Each structure stands twice: as structure tokens, then as C-alpha cells.
Amino acid sequence: MLNELEPDRIGHGVKAAYDPRTMAMLRERGVVLEICPTSNLQTEVVSGWEEFRWIFDQFRRNEVRFAISTDGPEMLRTYIRDELATLGRLGILSYEEQVAAAQTSLQASFVPQVSDVPAPMLEPASRTEVEREEA
């Protein structure tokens, strides 16, 4: 499929971790895998968080690019921030890896100039900045 379609991104793609040839092709072509943890767990494509730990370890070792995504957040009741928080809380992805996955998702976006969107402020605004002036 990689040879014929030449994709830039592949939705899910978690089972690629089990095939060294596929992993090499993904790395060489810079294909981004869109990983949807909750969806993969609920559809039983992945057996549990420990399997995800192994899968992400294979992506790291093989330098395969990935982004964290969701399938139908309204149906699965999860959002990207929840997926990232869970992966972080379980020690599957470090904070730096979460940031890198977010940057990868921007780079691989189909939306023109999405990477030009400024990064969010990491520090909350001070109280004086958010209070309204009295009339």
C-alpha cells in the first residue's frame, strides 16, 4: 500500500509496529501515523495500555513519526488533551514526546498554514490583565 498510494499520513497504523519492513518504509518516507488510543482500545485493535507502551517504544526506536488523534470525540467521550494526559500519566509518552507529537500533527495537517498558528502561552495571564476596568 505504501508503494502504490504514497501517503503522507495514515490513520491509526498501530499494527505497523509489528513489521520491521513497514517501520523502515514509514521512517524513510516520513509518513505520519495518526494514533487514536481510546478508539484502538475500544475496538480491541490494541489489547491495553501495556501494548501501547510497546507500540510507542517501537515507533521511537524506529524513528517513526506519529500524532495523537481521536475518532469521534463525541461518541468516544475523549479529546486529544485527554489522550495525551493519559499517555503522560501512564508514563507511555514523556511531556517532551507529547509536545513533539503535537508539533508533528501541525506539520502533517491538511489545513494550509496551520503551523503558523502561534503556540499557546504556557503561563497564565496575571490577574490584573484579566480584570475589567471599572466604568
N, C-alpha and C. Protein backbone atom coordinates (compact mmCIF):
# COMPACT_ATOMS: atom_id res chain seq x y z
N MET A 1 0.82 -1.18 0.00
CA MET A 1 0.00 0.00 0.00
C MET A 1 0.87 1.26 0.00
N LEU A 2 1.95 1.27 0.79
CA LEU A 2 2.82 2.45 0.84
C LEU A 2 3.42 2.76 -0.52
N ASN A 3 3.77 1.72 -1.26
CA ASN A 3 4.36 1.93 -2.58
C ASN A 3 3.36 2.49 -3.58
N GLU A 4 2.14 1.97 -3.56
CA GLU A 4 1.15 2.37 -4.56
C GLU A 4 0.53 3.74 -4.24
N LEU A 5 0.14 3.96 -2.99
CA LEU A 5 -0.59 5.17 -2.63
C LEU A 5 0.30 6.35 -2.25
N GLU A 6 1.50 6.08 -1.77
CA GLU A 6 2.44 7.10 -1.31
C GLU A 6 1.78 8.12 -0.36
N PRO A 7 1.22 7.65 0.74
CA PRO A 7 0.53 8.55 1.66
C PRO A 7 1.49 9.42 2.48
N ASP A 8 0.99 10.58 2.90
CA ASP A 8 1.73 11.43 3.84
C ASP A 8 1.39 11.06 5.27
N ARG A 9 0.13 10.61 5.45
CA ARG A 9 -0.37 10.25 6.78
C ARG A 9 -1.18 8.97 6.66
N ILE A 10 -1.21 8.23 7.76
CA ILE A 10 -2.04 7.02 7.81
C ILE A 10 -2.79 7.05 9.14
N GLY A 11 -4.11 6.94 9.06
CA GLY A 11 -4.92 6.88 10.27
C GLY A 11 -4.69 5.56 10.98
N HIS A 12 -4.51 5.65 12.28
CA HIS A 12 -4.24 4.51 13.15
C HIS A 12 -2.85 3.96 12.83
N GLY A 13 -2.74 2.86 12.17
CA GLY A 13 -1.43 2.34 11.79
C GLY A 13 -0.65 1.69 12.93
N VAL A 14 -1.32 1.40 14.03
CA VAL A 14 -0.59 0.86 15.19
C VAL A 14 0.03 -0.50 14.92
N LYS A 15 -0.57 -1.28 14.06
CA LYS A 15 -0.04 -2.62 13.79
C LYS A 15 1.25 -2.58 12.97
N ALA A 16 1.58 -1.42 12.41
CA ALA A 16 2.85 -1.27 11.70
C ALA A 16 4.02 -1.57 12.63
N ALA A 17 3.83 -1.35 13.92
CA ALA A 17 4.90 -1.58 14.91
C ALA A 17 5.38 -3.03 14.91
N TYR A 18 4.58 -3.94 14.39
CA TYR A 18 4.92 -5.36 14.39
C TYR A 18 5.69 -5.79 13.15
N ASP A 19 5.90 -4.90 12.20
CA ASP A 19 6.57 -5.27 10.96
C ASP A 19 7.77 -4.35 10.71
N PRO A 20 8.99 -4.85 10.90
CA PRO A 20 10.18 -4.03 10.72
C PRO A 20 10.30 -3.40 9.33
N ARG A 21 9.89 -4.11 8.28
CA ARG A 21 9.95 -3.54 6.92
C ARG A 21 9.02 -2.34 6.79
N THR A 22 7.82 -2.46 7.33
CA THR A 22 6.87 -1.35 7.27
C THR A 22 7.40 -0.17 8.07
N MET A 23 7.97 -0.44 9.23
CA MET A 23 8.51 0.64 10.06
C MET A 23 9.63 1.37 9.30
N ALA A 24 10.47 0.63 8.60
CA ALA A 24 11.56 1.25 7.84
C ALA A 24 11.00 2.12 6.71
N MET A 25 9.97 1.63 6.04
CA MET A 25 9.37 2.40 4.95
C MET A 25 8.71 3.68 5.49
N LEU A 26 8.02 3.58 6.62
CA LEU A 26 7.38 4.76 7.22
C LEU A 26 8.43 5.80 7.57
N ARG A 27 9.52 5.35 8.18
CA ARG A 27 10.60 6.26 8.55
C ARG A 27 11.22 6.92 7.32
N GLU A 28 11.58 6.12 6.33
CA GLU A 28 12.24 6.63 5.13
C GLU A 28 11.37 7.65 4.38
N ARG A 29 10.08 7.43 4.38
CA ARG A 29 9.16 8.31 3.63
C ARG A 29 8.59 9.43 4.49
N GLY A 30 8.87 9.39 5.79
CA GLY A 30 8.37 10.44 6.68
C GLY A 30 6.87 10.42 6.88
N VAL A 31 6.25 9.26 6.70
CA VAL A 31 4.80 9.13 6.87
C VAL A 31 4.45 9.27 8.34
N VAL A 32 3.40 10.04 8.61
CA VAL A 32 2.93 10.26 9.98
C VAL A 32 1.77 9.33 10.27
N LEU A 33 1.86 8.62 11.39
CA LEU A 33 0.76 7.78 11.84
C LEU A 33 -0.12 8.58 12.79
N GLU A 34 -1.42 8.55 12.57
CA GLU A 34 -2.38 9.22 13.45
C GLU A 34 -2.88 8.18 14.45
N ILE A 35 -2.41 8.26 15.67
CA ILE A 35 -2.74 7.25 16.67
C ILE A 35 -3.91 7.72 17.52
N CYS A 36 -4.94 6.89 17.61
CA CYS A 36 -6.16 7.19 18.37
C CYS A 36 -6.29 6.16 19.49
N PRO A 37 -5.64 6.40 20.64
CA PRO A 37 -5.61 5.37 21.69
C PRO A 37 -6.97 4.84 22.14
N THR A 38 -7.89 5.71 22.50
CA THR A 38 -9.18 5.24 23.02
C THR A 38 -9.92 4.42 21.97
N SER A 39 -9.93 4.88 20.74
CA SER A 39 -10.58 4.16 19.66
C SER A 39 -9.95 2.78 19.48
N ASN A 40 -8.60 2.72 19.48
CA ASN A 40 -7.91 1.45 19.30
C ASN A 40 -8.19 0.48 20.45
N LEU A 41 -8.36 1.01 21.65
CA LEU A 41 -8.68 0.17 22.80
C LEU A 41 -10.13 -0.32 22.73
N GLN A 42 -11.06 0.57 22.40
CA GLN A 42 -12.47 0.20 22.37
C GLN A 42 -12.79 -0.77 21.24
N THR A 43 -12.07 -0.68 20.13
CA THR A 43 -12.28 -1.61 19.02
C THR A 43 -11.44 -2.87 19.18
N GLU A 44 -10.65 -2.91 20.26
CA GLU A 44 -9.79 -4.04 20.59
C GLU A 44 -8.71 -4.32 19.54
N VAL A 45 -8.34 -3.28 18.80
CA VAL A 45 -7.19 -3.39 17.89
C VAL A 45 -5.93 -3.49 18.74
N VAL A 46 -5.92 -2.79 19.88
CA VAL A 46 -4.83 -2.85 20.85
C VAL A 46 -5.42 -3.42 22.14
N SER A 47 -4.69 -4.34 22.76
CA SER A 47 -5.23 -5.07 23.92
C SER A 47 -5.26 -4.27 25.22
N GLY A 48 -4.39 -3.28 25.33
CA GLY A 48 -4.35 -2.50 26.57
C GLY A 48 -3.21 -1.50 26.53
N TRP A 49 -3.07 -0.77 27.65
CA TRP A 49 -2.05 0.29 27.71
C TRP A 49 -0.64 -0.28 27.65
N GLU A 50 -0.43 -1.49 28.13
CA GLU A 50 0.91 -2.08 28.05
C GLU A 50 1.29 -2.36 26.60
N GLU A 51 0.33 -2.77 25.78
CA GLU A 51 0.63 -2.96 24.37
C GLU A 51 0.94 -1.61 23.73
N PHE A 52 0.20 -0.57 24.11
CA PHE A 52 0.52 0.77 23.60
C PHE A 52 1.93 1.19 24.01
N ARG A 53 2.31 0.86 25.24
CA ARG A 53 3.67 1.19 25.69
C ARG A 53 4.69 0.57 24.73
N TRP A 54 4.49 -0.69 24.37
CA TRP A 54 5.39 -1.39 23.45
C TRP A 54 5.34 -0.77 22.06
N ILE A 55 4.14 -0.45 21.58
CA ILE A 55 3.98 0.14 20.24
C ILE A 55 4.73 1.47 20.15
N PHE A 56 4.53 2.35 21.14
CA PHE A 56 5.22 3.64 21.09
C PHE A 56 6.73 3.45 21.23
N ASP A 57 7.15 2.45 21.96
CA ASP A 57 8.59 2.16 22.06
C ASP A 57 9.14 1.78 20.68
N GLN A 58 8.37 1.00 19.93
CA GLN A 58 8.80 0.62 18.57
C GLN A 58 8.86 1.85 17.67
N PHE A 59 7.88 2.75 17.80
CA PHE A 59 7.91 3.98 16.99
C PHE A 59 9.17 4.78 17.31
N ARG A 60 9.49 4.90 18.60
CA ARG A 60 10.70 5.66 19.00
C ARG A 60 11.95 5.01 18.43
N ARG A 61 12.09 3.72 18.65
CA ARG A 61 13.29 3.00 18.20
C ARG A 61 13.48 3.08 16.69
N ASN A 62 12.38 3.10 15.97
CA ASN A 62 12.43 3.13 14.50
C ASN A 62 12.27 4.52 13.91
N GLU A 63 12.20 5.53 14.79
CA GLU A 63 12.07 6.92 14.38
C GLU A 63 10.90 7.15 13.44
N VAL A 64 9.77 6.53 13.77
CA VAL A 64 8.54 6.69 13.00
C VAL A 64 7.76 7.85 13.62
N ARG A 65 7.34 8.78 12.77
CA ARG A 65 6.61 9.97 13.22
C ARG A 65 5.15 9.61 13.52
N PHE A 66 4.62 10.21 14.58
CA PHE A 66 3.22 9.96 14.93
C PHE A 66 2.61 11.20 15.55
N ALA A 67 1.29 11.26 15.45
CA ALA A 67 0.50 12.30 16.09
C ALA A 67 -0.58 11.59 16.90
N ILE A 68 -1.05 12.24 17.93
CA ILE A 68 -2.13 11.69 18.74
C ILE A 68 -3.43 12.31 18.25
N SER A 69 -4.42 11.46 17.97
CA SER A 69 -5.69 11.90 17.43
C SER A 69 -6.84 11.24 18.18
N THR A 70 -8.05 11.56 17.74
CA THR A 70 -9.25 10.91 18.29
C THR A 70 -10.17 10.56 17.13
N ASP A 71 -10.98 9.56 17.33
CA ASP A 71 -12.05 9.22 16.39
C ASP A 71 -13.36 9.58 17.07
N GLY A 72 -14.10 10.47 16.49
CA GLY A 72 -15.41 10.81 17.02
C GLY A 72 -15.41 11.11 18.50
N PRO A 73 -14.79 12.21 18.92
CA PRO A 73 -14.73 12.51 20.35
C PRO A 73 -16.09 12.55 21.02
N GLU A 74 -17.12 12.94 20.29
CA GLU A 74 -18.45 12.99 20.89
C GLU A 74 -18.99 11.59 21.19
N MET A 75 -18.59 10.61 20.40
CA MET A 75 -19.02 9.23 20.63
C MET A 75 -18.16 8.54 21.69
N LEU A 76 -16.85 8.75 21.59
CA LEU A 76 -15.92 8.06 22.49
C LEU A 76 -15.69 8.82 23.79
N ARG A 77 -16.19 10.05 23.85
CA ARG A 77 -16.05 10.90 25.04
C ARG A 77 -14.59 11.10 25.44
N THR A 78 -13.79 11.39 24.43
CA THR A 78 -12.39 11.70 24.68
C THR A 78 -11.94 12.75 23.67
N TYR A 79 -10.97 13.52 24.09
CA TYR A 79 -10.41 14.57 23.25
C TYR A 79 -8.90 14.40 23.25
N ILE A 80 -8.22 15.07 22.33
CA ILE A 80 -6.78 14.92 22.22
C ILE A 80 -6.09 15.22 23.54
N ARG A 81 -6.56 16.25 24.24
CA ARG A 81 -5.93 16.58 25.53
C ARG A 81 -6.07 15.41 26.52
N ASP A 82 -7.21 14.69 26.47
CA ASP A 82 -7.40 13.54 27.35
C ASP A 82 -6.47 12.40 26.97
N GLU A 83 -6.33 12.19 25.67
CA GLU A 83 -5.45 11.12 25.19
C GLU A 83 -4.00 11.40 25.62
N LEU A 84 -3.56 12.63 25.41
CA LEU A 84 -2.20 13.00 25.80
C LEU A 84 -2.01 12.90 27.31
N ALA A 85 -3.00 13.35 28.07
CA ALA A 85 -2.89 13.29 29.53
C ALA A 85 -2.77 11.85 30.01
N THR A 86 -3.55 10.96 29.42
CA THR A 86 -3.49 9.55 29.82
C THR A 86 -2.14 8.94 29.46
N LEU A 87 -1.68 9.21 28.25
CA LEU A 87 -0.37 8.68 27.83
C LEU A 87 0.75 9.21 28.72
N GLY A 88 0.62 10.45 29.16
CA GLY A 88 1.61 11.03 30.07
C GLY A 88 1.51 10.44 31.47
N ARG A 89 0.29 10.35 31.98
CA ARG A 89 0.07 9.84 33.34
C ARG A 89 0.57 8.40 33.48
N LEU A 90 0.40 7.62 32.42
CA LEU A 90 0.84 6.22 32.45
C LEU A 90 2.33 6.05 32.12
N GLY A 91 2.99 7.16 31.82
CA GLY A 91 4.42 7.10 31.51
C GLY A 91 4.72 6.51 30.15
N ILE A 92 3.74 6.52 29.26
CA ILE A 92 3.95 5.99 27.91
C ILE A 92 4.64 7.03 27.04
N LEU A 93 4.23 8.30 27.17
CA LEU A 93 4.87 9.40 26.47
C LEU A 93 5.30 10.45 27.48
N SER A 94 6.55 10.90 27.37
CA SER A 94 7.02 11.98 28.23
C SER A 94 6.38 13.29 27.78
N TYR A 95 6.52 14.31 28.59
CA TYR A 95 5.99 15.63 28.21
C TYR A 95 6.61 16.08 26.89
N GLU A 96 7.91 15.89 26.74
CA GLU A 96 8.61 16.29 25.52
C GLU A 96 8.07 15.52 24.31
N GLU A 97 7.77 14.24 24.49
CA GLU A 97 7.21 13.45 23.40
C GLU A 97 5.79 13.89 23.06
N GLN A 98 5.03 14.32 24.06
CA GLN A 98 3.69 14.84 23.80
C GLN A 98 3.78 16.12 22.97
N VAL A 99 4.71 17.01 23.34
CA VAL A 99 4.90 18.25 22.58
C VAL A 99 5.33 17.92 21.15
N ALA A 100 6.24 16.98 21.00
CA ALA A 100 6.71 16.59 19.66
C ALA A 100 5.56 16.02 18.83
N ALA A 101 4.69 15.22 19.45
CA ALA A 101 3.53 14.66 18.73
C ALA A 101 2.59 15.78 18.28
N ALA A 102 2.40 16.78 19.14
CA ALA A 102 1.55 17.92 18.79
C ALA A 102 2.17 18.70 17.63
N GLN A 103 3.48 18.90 17.66
CA GLN A 103 4.16 19.60 16.57
C GLN A 103 4.07 18.80 15.27
N THR A 104 4.21 17.50 15.38
CA THR A 104 4.08 16.65 14.21
C THR A 104 2.69 16.76 13.61
N SER A 105 1.67 16.82 14.47
CA SER A 105 0.30 16.93 13.95
C SER A 105 0.11 18.24 13.20
N LEU A 106 0.72 19.32 13.67
CA LEU A 106 0.64 20.59 12.96
C LEU A 106 1.37 20.52 11.62
N GLN A 107 2.55 19.91 11.62
CA GLN A 107 3.33 19.79 10.39
C GLN A 107 2.62 18.93 9.35
N ALA A 108 1.87 17.93 9.80
CA ALA A 108 1.21 16.99 8.89
C ALA A 108 -0.23 17.39 8.57
N SER A 109 -0.67 18.52 9.08
CA SER A 109 -2.06 18.95 8.90
C SER A 109 -2.36 19.21 7.43
N PHE A 110 -3.61 18.95 7.05
CA PHE A 110 -4.08 19.28 5.71
C PHE A 110 -4.54 20.73 5.62
N VAL A 111 -4.59 21.42 6.75
CA VAL A 111 -5.03 22.81 6.79
C VAL A 111 -3.86 23.71 6.41
N PRO A 112 -4.03 24.56 5.38
CA PRO A 112 -2.91 25.43 4.97
C PRO A 112 -2.47 26.36 6.10
N GLN A 113 -1.20 26.53 6.25
CA GLN A 113 -0.56 27.42 7.22
C GLN A 113 -0.96 27.15 8.66
N VAL A 114 -1.41 25.94 8.97
CA VAL A 114 -1.79 25.67 10.36
C VAL A 114 -0.58 25.77 11.28
N SER A 115 0.61 25.51 10.76
CA SER A 115 1.81 25.60 11.60
C SER A 115 2.17 27.04 11.92
N ASP A 116 1.52 28.01 11.25
CA ASP A 116 1.76 29.42 11.56
C ASP A 116 0.96 29.91 12.76
N VAL A 117 0.06 29.07 13.26
CA VAL A 117 -0.74 29.45 14.43
C VAL A 117 0.21 29.57 15.62
N PRO A 118 0.16 30.68 16.33
CA PRO A 118 1.09 30.83 17.46
C PRO A 118 0.86 29.79 18.55
N ALA A 119 1.94 29.39 19.17
CA ALA A 119 1.85 28.43 20.28
C ALA A 119 1.12 29.07 21.45
N PRO A 120 0.37 28.28 22.21
CA PRO A 120 -0.34 28.86 23.35
C PRO A 120 0.65 29.34 24.41
N MET A 121 0.22 30.34 25.18
CA MET A 121 1.06 30.83 26.28
C MET A 121 1.15 29.73 27.33
N LEU A 122 2.32 29.52 27.86
CA LEU A 122 2.50 28.48 28.86
C LEU A 122 2.24 29.00 30.27
N GLU A 123 2.24 30.30 30.44
CA GLU A 123 1.98 30.88 31.74
C GLU A 123 0.61 31.55 31.73
N PRO A 124 -0.17 31.39 32.79
CA PRO A 124 -1.47 32.05 32.81
C PRO A 124 -1.30 33.56 32.90
N ALA A 125 -2.28 34.28 32.39
CA ALA A 125 -2.25 35.74 32.47
C ALA A 125 -2.32 36.16 33.93
N SER A 126 -1.68 37.28 34.23
CA SER A 126 -1.76 37.77 35.61
C SER A 126 -3.16 38.31 35.87
N ARG A 127 -3.52 38.39 37.12
CA ARG A 127 -4.87 38.83 37.50
C ARG A 127 -5.19 40.22 36.98
N THR A 128 -4.23 41.12 36.98
CA THR A 128 -4.50 42.48 36.52
C THR A 128 -4.81 42.51 35.03
N GLU A 129 -4.31 41.55 34.29
CA GLU A 129 -4.57 41.51 32.85
C GLU A 129 -5.97 41.03 32.51
N VAL A 130 -6.59 40.25 33.39
CA VAL A 130 -7.89 39.69 33.07
C VAL A 130 -9.04 40.41 33.74
N GLU A 131 -8.78 41.29 34.70
CA GLU A 131 -9.86 42.03 35.34
C GLU A 131 -10.30 43.18 34.44
N ARG A 132 -11.57 43.46 34.48
CA ARG A 132 -12.13 44.58 33.69
C ARG A 132 -11.94 45.89 34.42
N GLU A 133 -11.80 46.94 33.64
CA GLU A 133 -11.72 48.27 34.24
C GLU A 133 -13.11 48.67 34.71
N GLU A 134 -13.15 49.44 35.78
CA GLU A 134 -14.45 49.90 36.27
C GLU A 134 -14.90 51.08 35.44
N ALA A 135 -16.18 51.15 35.16
CA ALA A 135 -16.71 52.21 34.32
C ALA A 135 -16.88 53.52 35.08
